[in-house]
Amino acid sequence: MSGSGTRDDPWVLKTPPGTSEYQMYRDEDADPPALVCVVGKTRLGYRLRCIEDLHAMLTEHGDWMPLGAADENKPAAEGTVEAWGRSESNPVGGFYGTKKGLRGRFGMYVPPLLEALGLAELEHNPRNNRMRAR
């Protein structure tokens, strides 16, 4: 990973399979504070607290968990990071994504950041990747 996680110096990350590059940065002035993900010309936003919340959930889970990335309009497979990222039982009571229509793909874009920050281990297979807390 390169970058410091600011708008002017975003983190440069790769999707779990390593096939696509994207950028992320913290926007603590947003309401609520956001983690902005820039994929090409598309901007996705997730609640900034997702970093700590996902790490806490993975720590409690204690084992590997499938990522299960899916677009917002597609159902997320049960027991996946994606399903947790939109579940009514997570700490925010629903989607961590902040922009309707672009709230999915939590399981694709947030896990590599946790790995880069040293909070999680992540598989890098062509498909069906998993993660667990460090």
Protein backbone atom coordinates (compact mmCIF):
# COMPACT_ATOMS: atom_id res chain seq x y z
CA MET A 1 0.00 0.00 0.00
CA SER A 2 1.15 3.51 -0.68
CA GLY A 3 -0.29 6.81 0.52
CA SER A 4 -1.20 8.19 3.90
CA GLY A 5 -4.99 8.00 3.62
CA THR A 6 -5.73 11.68 3.03
CA ARG A 7 -7.61 13.21 0.07
CA ASP A 8 -4.29 14.59 -1.27
CA ASP A 9 -2.36 11.36 -0.62
CA PRO A 10 -4.87 8.49 -0.74
CA TRP A 11 -4.06 4.88 0.00
CA VAL A 12 -3.52 2.99 -3.24
CA LEU A 13 -4.83 -0.56 -2.87
CA LYS A 14 -5.65 -3.61 -4.98
CA THR A 15 -8.75 -5.77 -4.86
CA PRO A 16 -8.24 -9.14 -3.10
CA PRO A 17 -7.49 -11.03 -6.36
CA GLY A 18 -4.97 -8.28 -7.21
CA THR A 19 -6.66 -7.51 -10.52
CA SER A 20 -7.81 -3.92 -9.99
CA GLU A 21 -6.28 -0.88 -8.31
CA TYR A 22 -8.31 1.72 -6.41
CA GLN A 23 -7.80 4.52 -3.90
CA MET A 24 -9.21 5.19 -0.44
CA TYR A 25 -8.98 8.08 1.96
CA ARG A 26 -10.49 9.28 5.21
CA ASP A 27 -12.94 12.20 5.11
CA GLU A 28 -13.41 13.03 8.76
CA ASP A 29 -15.32 16.23 7.91
CA ALA A 30 -18.15 14.30 6.19
CA ASP A 31 -21.36 13.66 8.12
CA PRO A 32 -20.98 10.92 9.17
CA PRO A 33 -17.17 10.67 8.86
CA ALA A 34 -16.46 8.61 5.75
CA LEU A 35 -14.01 6.29 4.12
CA VAL A 36 -14.06 7.35 0.46
CA CYS A 37 -13.28 4.71 -2.16
CA VAL A 38 -12.41 5.87 -5.68
CA VAL A 39 -12.69 3.19 -8.36
CA GLY A 40 -12.05 4.73 -11.76
CA LYS A 41 -14.52 7.63 -11.93
CA THR A 42 -16.86 6.10 -9.34
CA ARG A 43 -16.82 7.29 -5.72
CA LEU A 44 -18.17 4.97 -3.06
CA GLY A 45 -18.43 5.96 0.57
CA TYR A 46 -18.48 3.87 3.72
CA ARG A 47 -18.85 5.01 7.29
CA LEU A 48 -15.32 5.57 8.60
CA ARG A 49 -16.07 3.55 11.73
CA CYS A 50 -16.28 0.43 9.51
CA ILE A 51 -12.52 -0.07 9.98
CA GLU A 52 -12.75 -0.55 13.75
CA ASP A 53 -16.16 -2.25 13.64
CA LEU A 54 -15.09 -4.83 11.04
CA HIS A 55 -11.89 -5.57 12.95
CA ALA A 56 -13.86 -6.05 16.19
CA MET A 57 -16.35 -8.37 14.47
CA LEU A 58 -13.57 -10.44 12.89
CA THR A 59 -11.77 -10.69 16.24
CA GLU A 60 -14.95 -11.94 17.88
CA HIS A 61 -15.62 -14.31 14.96
CA GLY A 62 -12.16 -15.80 15.50
CA ASP A 63 -11.81 -17.65 12.20
CA TRP A 64 -11.68 -17.10 8.46
CA MET A 65 -14.77 -15.42 6.97
CA PRO A 66 -15.66 -15.31 3.25
CA LEU A 67 -15.73 -11.84 1.70
CA GLY A 68 -18.80 -12.33 -0.50
CA ALA A 69 -18.62 -8.99 -2.34
CA ALA A 70 -21.87 -8.04 -4.10
CA ASP A 71 -23.50 -4.95 -5.57
CA GLU A 72 -26.15 -3.31 -3.39
CA ASN A 73 -29.03 -4.57 -5.54
CA LYS A 74 -27.88 -8.19 -5.27
CA PRO A 75 -28.32 -10.30 -2.14
CA ALA A 76 -25.21 -10.93 -0.06
CA ALA A 77 -24.44 -14.54 0.85
CA GLU A 78 -25.08 -15.27 4.53
CA GLY A 79 -22.04 -15.48 6.78
CA THR A 80 -19.91 -13.18 4.61
CA VAL A 81 -18.21 -9.85 5.29
CA GLU A 82 -20.55 -8.31 2.69
CA ALA A 83 -23.66 -9.60 4.51
CA TRP A 84 -22.35 -8.24 7.82
CA GLY A 85 -21.62 -4.86 6.16
CA ARG A 86 -25.34 -4.43 5.39
CA SER A 87 -26.94 -6.35 8.28
CA GLU A 88 -29.39 -4.78 10.71
CA SER A 89 -27.43 -6.54 13.49
CA ASN A 90 -24.12 -4.73 12.82
CA PRO A 91 -23.17 -1.70 14.98
CA VAL A 92 -24.75 0.84 12.58
CA GLY A 93 -27.92 -1.20 12.03
CA GLY A 94 -27.61 -1.58 8.25
CA PHE A 95 -25.43 -0.55 5.35
CA TYR A 96 -22.00 0.93 6.09
CA GLY A 97 -22.22 2.33 2.55
CA THR A 98 -23.31 5.96 2.50
CA LYS A 99 -24.69 6.56 -1.01
CA LYS A 100 -27.85 4.72 -2.04
CA GLY A 101 -27.22 2.67 -5.15
CA LEU A 102 -23.49 2.43 -4.34
CA ARG A 103 -23.64 0.89 -0.86
CA GLY A 104 -22.48 -2.58 -1.88
CA ARG A 105 -19.02 -4.01 -2.57
CA PHE A 106 -18.07 -3.57 1.09
CA GLY A 107 -16.52 -7.07 0.98
CA MET A 108 -14.38 -6.10 -2.02
CA TYR A 109 -12.97 -2.71 -1.06
CA VAL A 110 -12.72 -2.53 2.74
CA PRO A 111 -10.83 -5.81 3.49
CA PRO A 112 -7.63 -4.83 1.60
CA LEU A 113 -7.41 -1.67 3.71
CA LEU A 114 -7.64 -3.70 6.93
CA GLU A 115 -4.86 -5.92 5.63
CA ALA A 116 -2.70 -2.91 4.72
CA LEU A 117 -3.27 -1.41 8.17
CA GLY A 118 -2.11 -4.67 9.78
CA LEU A 119 -5.54 -5.46 11.25
CA ALA A 120 -6.39 -8.54 9.17
CA GLU A 121 -5.08 -11.34 7.01
CA LEU A 122 -6.58 -11.62 3.55
CA GLU A 123 -6.45 -14.33 0.90
CA HIS A 124 -5.54 -13.32 -2.65
CA ASN A 125 -7.05 -16.06 -4.81
CA PRO A 126 -8.79 -15.39 -8.16
CA ARG A 127 -12.17 -15.97 -6.39
CA ASN A 128 -13.82 -16.83 -3.07
CA ASN A 129 -11.35 -15.01 -0.81
CA ARG A 130 -11.59 -14.90 2.96
CA MET A 131 -10.22 -12.78 5.76
CA ARG A 132 -9.60 -13.01 9.48
CA ALA A 133 -8.45 -10.63 12.21
CA ARG A 134 -4.81 -10.32 13.19
